[in-house]
Amino acid sequence: MARRDLTGAVDFAYLESYAAHDQAIIEEVLGLFREQASLWSRLLDQSGDAQTWRDAVHTLKGSARGIGAQGLAAACATAESHAEQLPAVRDALDMVLADIAAYLHEQALRSLKSGAIRST
């Protein structure tokens, strides 16, 4: 998985700019998002308590906006009042998580390459 695998679900240029291009902060924010996403995804079940999944969708919407995942944020905004849109939220979340994995993989490769160049 590498940057070429990005779907565009996350605007990494926005995130990088917002974090002043500090890769450590970017990685920390994305790590926190992934941890929280594992919790939120379990709550995105319309057969459960409506307030629970609405709270999860609302929280996810704000976090998505924070990392530049506007498509996910829009899906969450729609699902807040339309439970039948929860599958679209799950799909958008999956795309965001795939993009995050590709982005972080690419950053790790760059780090390895730059470290190899400096050590020679």
N, C-alpha and C. Protein backbone atom coordinates (compact mmCIF):
# COMPACT_ATOMS: atom_id res chain seq x y z
N MET A 1 0.85 -1.17 0.00
CA MET A 1 0.00 0.00 0.00
C MET A 1 0.90 1.24 0.00
N ALA A 2 0.61 2.17 -0.87
CA ALA A 2 1.41 3.39 -0.95
C ALA A 2 0.51 4.54 -1.37
N ARG A 3 1.10 5.70 -1.45
CA ARG A 3 0.33 6.90 -1.78
C ARG A 3 -0.47 6.72 -3.07
N ARG A 4 0.03 5.94 -3.99
CA ARG A 4 -0.70 5.72 -5.25
C ARG A 4 -2.04 5.02 -5.00
N ASP A 5 -2.20 4.42 -3.82
CA ASP A 5 -3.43 3.73 -3.47
C ASP A 5 -4.48 4.64 -2.85
N LEU A 6 -4.16 5.92 -2.68
CA LEU A 6 -5.10 6.85 -2.06
C LEU A 6 -6.34 7.03 -2.94
N THR A 7 -7.48 7.08 -2.29
CA THR A 7 -8.74 7.25 -3.01
C THR A 7 -9.19 8.71 -3.04
N GLY A 8 -8.59 9.53 -2.21
CA GLY A 8 -9.02 10.92 -2.09
C GLY A 8 -10.01 11.11 -0.95
N ALA A 9 -10.22 10.08 -0.16
CA ALA A 9 -11.17 10.17 0.96
C ALA A 9 -10.67 11.11 2.05
N VAL A 10 -9.37 11.33 2.09
CA VAL A 10 -8.78 12.26 3.06
C VAL A 10 -7.95 13.28 2.29
N ASP A 11 -8.13 14.54 2.62
CA ASP A 11 -7.34 15.62 2.02
C ASP A 11 -6.09 15.79 2.88
N PHE A 12 -5.05 15.03 2.53
CA PHE A 12 -3.83 15.06 3.34
C PHE A 12 -3.11 16.40 3.23
N ALA A 13 -3.26 17.11 2.12
CA ALA A 13 -2.65 18.44 2.01
C ALA A 13 -3.25 19.37 3.07
N TYR A 14 -4.55 19.27 3.27
CA TYR A 14 -5.21 20.06 4.33
C TYR A 14 -4.64 19.69 5.69
N LEU A 15 -4.57 18.39 5.97
CA LEU A 15 -4.08 17.93 7.27
C LEU A 15 -2.63 18.36 7.48
N GLU A 16 -1.80 18.20 6.46
CA GLU A 16 -0.39 18.58 6.58
C GLU A 16 -0.26 20.08 6.85
N SER A 17 -1.04 20.88 6.15
CA SER A 17 -1.01 22.32 6.35
C SER A 17 -1.48 22.68 7.76
N TYR A 18 -2.58 22.07 8.17
CA TYR A 18 -3.16 22.33 9.49
C TYR A 18 -2.18 21.99 10.61
N ALA A 19 -1.38 20.93 10.40
CA ALA A 19 -0.41 20.48 11.40
C ALA A 19 0.97 21.11 11.16
N ALA A 20 1.03 22.14 10.33
CA ALA A 20 2.29 22.84 10.03
C ALA A 20 3.35 21.87 9.53
N HIS A 21 2.93 20.84 8.80
CA HIS A 21 3.82 19.85 8.19
C HIS A 21 4.67 19.11 9.22
N ASP A 22 4.22 19.05 10.45
CA ASP A 22 4.92 18.32 11.50
C ASP A 22 4.45 16.86 11.43
N GLN A 23 5.30 16.01 10.88
CA GLN A 23 4.91 14.63 10.62
C GLN A 23 4.56 13.88 11.89
N ALA A 24 5.23 14.20 12.99
CA ALA A 24 4.92 13.52 14.26
C ALA A 24 3.50 13.84 14.71
N ILE A 25 3.09 15.08 14.55
CA ILE A 25 1.72 15.46 14.92
C ILE A 25 0.72 14.79 13.99
N ILE A 26 1.01 14.80 12.71
CA ILE A 26 0.11 14.17 11.73
C ILE A 26 -0.08 12.69 12.06
N GLU A 27 1.01 12.01 12.32
CA GLU A 27 0.92 10.58 12.64
C GLU A 27 0.16 10.35 13.94
N GLU A 28 0.35 11.22 14.91
CA GLU A 28 -0.38 11.07 16.18
C GLU A 28 -1.88 11.28 15.97
N VAL A 29 -2.24 12.32 15.22
CA VAL A 29 -3.65 12.60 14.94
C VAL A 29 -4.29 11.44 14.18
N LEU A 30 -3.60 10.93 13.17
CA LEU A 30 -4.16 9.82 12.41
C LEU A 30 -4.26 8.55 13.25
N GLY A 31 -3.30 8.34 14.12
CA GLY A 31 -3.36 7.19 15.02
C GLY A 31 -4.55 7.28 15.96
N LEU A 32 -4.77 8.47 16.50
CA LEU A 32 -5.93 8.67 17.38
C LEU A 32 -7.23 8.47 16.62
N PHE A 33 -7.29 8.97 15.39
CA PHE A 33 -8.49 8.79 14.59
C PHE A 33 -8.76 7.30 14.38
N ARG A 34 -7.72 6.55 14.04
CA ARG A 34 -7.91 5.11 13.80
C ARG A 34 -8.37 4.38 15.06
N GLU A 35 -7.81 4.74 16.20
CA GLU A 35 -8.24 4.11 17.45
C GLU A 35 -9.71 4.41 17.74
N GLN A 36 -10.07 5.66 17.59
CA GLN A 36 -11.45 6.05 17.84
C GLN A 36 -12.40 5.43 16.82
N ALA A 37 -11.96 5.33 15.59
CA ALA A 37 -12.81 4.74 14.54
C ALA A 37 -13.19 3.31 14.88
N SER A 38 -12.28 2.59 15.52
CA SER A 38 -12.63 1.21 15.88
C SER A 38 -13.74 1.19 16.92
N LEU A 39 -13.78 2.20 17.78
CA LEU A 39 -14.87 2.30 18.76
C LEU A 39 -16.17 2.75 18.09
N TRP A 40 -16.08 3.78 17.27
CA TRP A 40 -17.28 4.32 16.62
C TRP A 40 -17.94 3.31 15.70
N SER A 41 -17.14 2.54 14.98
CA SER A 41 -17.72 1.61 14.01
C SER A 41 -18.62 0.59 14.69
N ARG A 42 -18.31 0.23 15.93
CA ARG A 42 -19.17 -0.72 16.66
C ARG A 42 -20.51 -0.11 17.04
N LEU A 43 -20.56 1.22 17.09
CA LEU A 43 -21.79 1.91 17.50
C LEU A 43 -22.68 2.28 16.31
N LEU A 44 -22.21 2.04 15.10
CA LEU A 44 -22.96 2.42 13.90
C LEU A 44 -23.92 1.31 13.48
N ASP A 45 -24.81 0.99 14.36
CA ASP A 45 -25.79 -0.06 14.12
C ASP A 45 -27.18 0.52 14.36
N GLN A 46 -27.94 0.70 13.30
CA GLN A 46 -29.25 1.34 13.44
C GLN A 46 -30.24 0.50 14.23
N SER A 47 -29.93 -0.77 14.43
CA SER A 47 -30.85 -1.59 15.22
C SER A 47 -30.65 -1.34 16.72
N GLY A 48 -29.55 -0.67 17.06
CA GLY A 48 -29.29 -0.35 18.45
C GLY A 48 -30.02 0.92 18.86
N ASP A 49 -29.66 1.42 20.00
CA ASP A 49 -30.24 2.64 20.54
C ASP A 49 -29.95 3.81 19.59
N ALA A 50 -30.99 4.51 19.18
CA ALA A 50 -30.85 5.60 18.21
C ALA A 50 -29.92 6.69 18.73
N GLN A 51 -30.02 7.01 20.00
CA GLN A 51 -29.15 8.07 20.53
C GLN A 51 -27.69 7.66 20.48
N THR A 52 -27.41 6.39 20.68
CA THR A 52 -26.03 5.91 20.67
C THR A 52 -25.41 6.07 19.29
N TRP A 53 -26.10 5.59 18.24
CA TRP A 53 -25.50 5.71 16.92
C TRP A 53 -25.50 7.15 16.44
N ARG A 54 -26.47 7.94 16.85
CA ARG A 54 -26.45 9.37 16.47
C ARG A 54 -25.27 10.09 17.12
N ASP A 55 -25.01 9.79 18.38
CA ASP A 55 -23.84 10.38 19.04
C ASP A 55 -22.54 9.95 18.36
N ALA A 56 -22.46 8.68 17.99
CA ALA A 56 -21.27 8.18 17.31
C ALA A 56 -21.08 8.87 15.96
N VAL A 57 -22.15 9.01 15.20
CA VAL A 57 -22.07 9.66 13.89
C VAL A 57 -21.68 11.13 14.05
N HIS A 58 -22.25 11.79 15.05
CA HIS A 58 -21.94 13.20 15.27
C HIS A 58 -20.46 13.39 15.64
N THR A 59 -19.97 12.55 16.52
CA THR A 59 -18.57 12.62 16.93
C THR A 59 -17.65 12.31 15.77
N LEU A 60 -17.99 11.30 15.01
CA LEU A 60 -17.20 10.92 13.84
C LEU A 60 -17.18 12.05 12.82
N LYS A 61 -18.29 12.74 12.66
CA LYS A 61 -18.37 13.86 11.71
C LYS A 61 -17.33 14.93 12.05
N GLY A 62 -17.26 15.31 13.31
CA GLY A 62 -16.29 16.32 13.72
C GLY A 62 -14.86 15.86 13.55
N SER A 63 -14.58 14.65 13.89
CA SER A 63 -13.23 14.11 13.74
C SER A 63 -12.84 13.99 12.27
N ALA A 64 -13.79 13.61 11.45
CA ALA A 64 -13.53 13.51 10.01
C ALA A 64 -13.17 14.87 9.44
N ARG A 65 -13.91 15.88 9.83
CA ARG A 65 -13.59 17.24 9.36
C ARG A 65 -12.20 17.66 9.80
N GLY A 66 -11.82 17.27 11.00
CA GLY A 66 -10.52 17.63 11.53
C GLY A 66 -9.35 17.07 10.76
N ILE A 67 -9.52 15.91 10.14
CA ILE A 67 -8.41 15.32 9.39
C ILE A 67 -8.54 15.56 7.88
N GLY A 68 -9.61 16.23 7.46
CA GLY A 68 -9.78 16.50 6.04
C GLY A 68 -10.57 15.44 5.30
N ALA A 69 -11.36 14.65 6.01
CA ALA A 69 -12.18 13.61 5.39
C ALA A 69 -13.59 14.15 5.18
N GLN A 70 -13.73 15.05 4.22
CA GLN A 70 -15.00 15.76 4.03
C GLN A 70 -16.13 14.84 3.54
N GLY A 71 -15.80 13.84 2.74
CA GLY A 71 -16.83 12.90 2.28
C GLY A 71 -17.44 12.12 3.44
N LEU A 72 -16.60 11.69 4.35
CA LEU A 72 -17.09 10.99 5.54
C LEU A 72 -17.91 11.94 6.40
N ALA A 73 -17.44 13.17 6.56
CA ALA A 73 -18.19 14.15 7.36
C ALA A 73 -19.56 14.39 6.76
N ALA A 74 -19.64 14.47 5.44
CA ALA A 74 -20.93 14.70 4.77
C ALA A 74 -21.85 13.49 4.95
N ALA A 75 -21.29 12.29 4.84
CA ALA A 75 -22.10 11.08 5.04
C ALA A 75 -22.64 11.04 6.47
N CYS A 76 -21.82 11.44 7.42
CA CYS A 76 -22.24 11.48 8.82
C CYS A 76 -23.35 12.51 9.03
N ALA A 77 -23.20 13.67 8.41
CA ALA A 77 -24.21 14.72 8.56
C ALA A 77 -25.56 14.24 8.05
N THR A 78 -25.57 13.54 6.94
CA THR A 78 -26.82 13.00 6.39
C THR A 78 -27.39 11.92 7.31
N ALA A 79 -26.52 11.04 7.80
CA ALA A 79 -26.98 9.92 8.62
C ALA A 79 -27.50 10.35 9.98
N GLU A 80 -27.09 11.53 10.45
CA GLU A 80 -27.58 11.99 11.75
C GLU A 80 -29.11 12.03 11.80
N SER A 81 -29.72 12.30 10.67
CA SER A 81 -31.19 12.35 10.64
C SER A 81 -31.82 11.28 9.76
N HIS A 82 -30.99 10.45 9.14
CA HIS A 82 -31.51 9.39 8.26
C HIS A 82 -30.75 8.09 8.53
N ALA A 83 -31.29 7.27 9.41
CA ALA A 83 -30.62 6.03 9.81
C ALA A 83 -30.31 5.11 8.64
N GLU A 84 -31.11 5.18 7.58
CA GLU A 84 -30.86 4.31 6.44
C GLU A 84 -29.54 4.65 5.73
N GLN A 85 -28.93 5.77 6.09
CA GLN A 85 -27.66 6.17 5.49
C GLN A 85 -26.44 5.66 6.27
N LEU A 86 -26.67 4.91 7.34
CA LEU A 86 -25.54 4.39 8.12
C LEU A 86 -24.59 3.50 7.30
N PRO A 87 -25.09 2.69 6.37
CA PRO A 87 -24.14 1.92 5.55
C PRO A 87 -23.20 2.82 4.74
N ALA A 88 -23.68 3.98 4.31
CA ALA A 88 -22.82 4.92 3.58
C ALA A 88 -21.72 5.46 4.49
N VAL A 89 -22.05 5.65 5.77
CA VAL A 89 -21.04 6.10 6.74
C VAL A 89 -19.98 5.02 6.90
N ARG A 90 -20.41 3.78 7.04
CA ARG A 90 -19.45 2.68 7.19
C ARG A 90 -18.54 2.58 5.97
N ASP A 91 -19.13 2.70 4.77
CA ASP A 91 -18.33 2.64 3.54
C ASP A 91 -17.32 3.79 3.48
N ALA A 92 -17.78 4.99 3.81
CA ALA A 92 -16.89 6.15 3.79
C ALA A 92 -15.78 6.00 4.83
N LEU A 93 -16.12 5.48 6.00
CA LEU A 93 -15.12 5.26 7.04
C LEU A 93 -14.08 4.25 6.57
N ASP A 94 -14.51 3.20 5.90
CA ASP A 94 -13.56 2.21 5.38
C ASP A 94 -12.60 2.85 4.39
N MET A 95 -13.12 3.72 3.52
CA MET A 95 -12.25 4.40 2.56
C MET A 95 -11.25 5.31 3.26
N VAL A 96 -11.70 6.03 4.27
CA VAL A 96 -10.81 6.90 5.02
C VAL A 96 -9.71 6.09 5.69
N LEU A 97 -10.08 4.99 6.32
CA LEU A 97 -9.08 4.15 6.99
C LEU A 97 -8.09 3.56 6.01
N ALA A 98 -8.54 3.20 4.82
CA ALA A 98 -7.64 2.69 3.79
C ALA A 98 -6.67 3.78 3.34
N ASP A 99 -7.18 5.00 3.17
CA ASP A 99 -6.31 6.11 2.78
C ASP A 99 -5.29 6.41 3.87
N ILE A 100 -5.72 6.37 5.11
CA ILE A 100 -4.78 6.62 6.21
C ILE A 100 -3.68 5.57 6.21
N ALA A 101 -4.05 4.31 6.01
CA ALA A 101 -3.06 3.23 5.98
C ALA A 101 -2.06 3.45 4.84
N ALA A 102 -2.55 3.83 3.67
CA ALA A 102 -1.67 4.06 2.52
C ALA A 102 -0.75 5.25 2.78
N TYR A 103 -1.30 6.30 3.34
CA TYR A 103 -0.51 7.50 3.64
C TYR A 103 0.59 7.18 4.64
N LEU A 104 0.24 6.51 5.73
CA LEU A 104 1.23 6.19 6.76
C LEU A 104 2.29 5.23 6.24
N HIS A 105 1.87 4.32 5.38
CA HIS A 105 2.83 3.40 4.75
C HIS A 105 3.84 4.18 3.91
N GLU A 106 3.33 5.10 3.13
CA GLU A 106 4.20 5.93 2.30
C GLU A 106 5.17 6.74 3.17
N GLN A 107 4.68 7.29 4.27
CA GLN A 107 5.54 8.06 5.17
C GLN A 107 6.62 7.17 5.78
N ALA A 108 6.27 5.95 6.12
CA ALA A 108 7.25 5.02 6.68
C ALA A 108 8.33 4.69 5.65
N LEU A 109 7.92 4.47 4.40
CA LEU A 109 8.89 4.20 3.34
C LEU A 109 9.83 5.38 3.14
N ARG A 110 9.27 6.59 3.14
CA ARG A 110 10.12 7.78 3.00
C ARG A 110 11.11 7.88 4.14
N SER A 111 10.66 7.59 5.33
CA SER A 111 11.53 7.65 6.49
C SER A 111 12.68 6.65 6.37
N LEU A 112 12.35 5.45 5.92
CA LEU A 112 13.38 4.42 5.74
C LEU A 112 14.38 4.84 4.68
N LYS A 113 13.87 5.38 3.57
CA LYS A 113 14.76 5.80 2.48
C LYS A 113 15.66 6.94 2.91
N SER A 114 15.12 7.91 3.60
CA SER A 114 15.94 9.05 4.03
C SER A 114 16.95 8.62 5.09
N GLY A 115 16.56 7.68 5.94
CA GLY A 115 17.48 7.15 6.95
C GLY A 115 18.60 6.36 6.31
N ALA A 116 18.30 5.61 5.26
CA ALA A 116 19.33 4.83 4.56
C ALA A 116 20.30 5.75 3.85
N ILE A 117 19.80 6.83 3.31
CA ILE A 117 20.67 7.77 2.59
C ILE A 117 21.61 8.47 3.57
N ARG A 118 21.11 8.87 4.72
CA ARG A 118 21.92 9.57 5.71
C ARG A 118 22.97 8.66 6.33
N SER A 119 22.69 7.36 6.44
CA SER A 119 23.62 6.47 7.11
C SER A 119 24.77 6.02 6.22
N THR A 120 24.70 6.32 4.93
CA THR A 120 25.79 5.88 4.04
C THR A 120 26.87 6.93 3.93
